[in-house]
Every structure is written in C-alpha cells, then in structure tokens.
C-alpha cells in the first residue's frame, strides 16, 4: 500500500504508507493512466531492476491499481494481524 507523491500519465512516484515520515523511501511505478496525488493505492504487479546513472533502481510495474483512500488502515492492520494469529493457531 502506498501514497502517491507525484504522478504523470503512465508513471507515478509512490512511497509505502507504513514508512516513517522522516525515513520514507520512494519508488517509481509504471501504471495505466494517471494516479491522484496524495491518494492511497494498493498496487499489484512485479518489481524490476533498472540500471541508471545512480546505480540500480527498483521499479514496480503495476498490473492493477486499487484506490484505497477510504480504507481504515488501522482496521486493516488489525485484520491482517488477526488472520496471522488464526493461521498460526490452525496450523498447530
């Protein structure tokens, strides 16, 4: 899950919504269309590594983009943690 920092048609600069503000890193994502800046998205796709002037750079090639701006992130994290606990318990 990420938040859009910059966007042009076909390309967006995003950062993980879980990153601390002062330590946030950004990644370029190839997308279809144009994403809205400051909106939260779930991007599904594959990572590629590209050589550039500053060394190797990771890029996400998104096959699907889902706007999750209305998603309650705290509630989502709680659901994911609960799923993990249930999976561990069922595996015993």
Foldseek 3Di string as FASTA:
>chain_A
DWAFADKDAQKTKTWRPPDDPVPIDIAMEGDHGIDDHRFDKDFDADWDWDQDPVGIGIYGYGPDIGTCRVPDVVVVVVVVVVVVVVVVVVVD
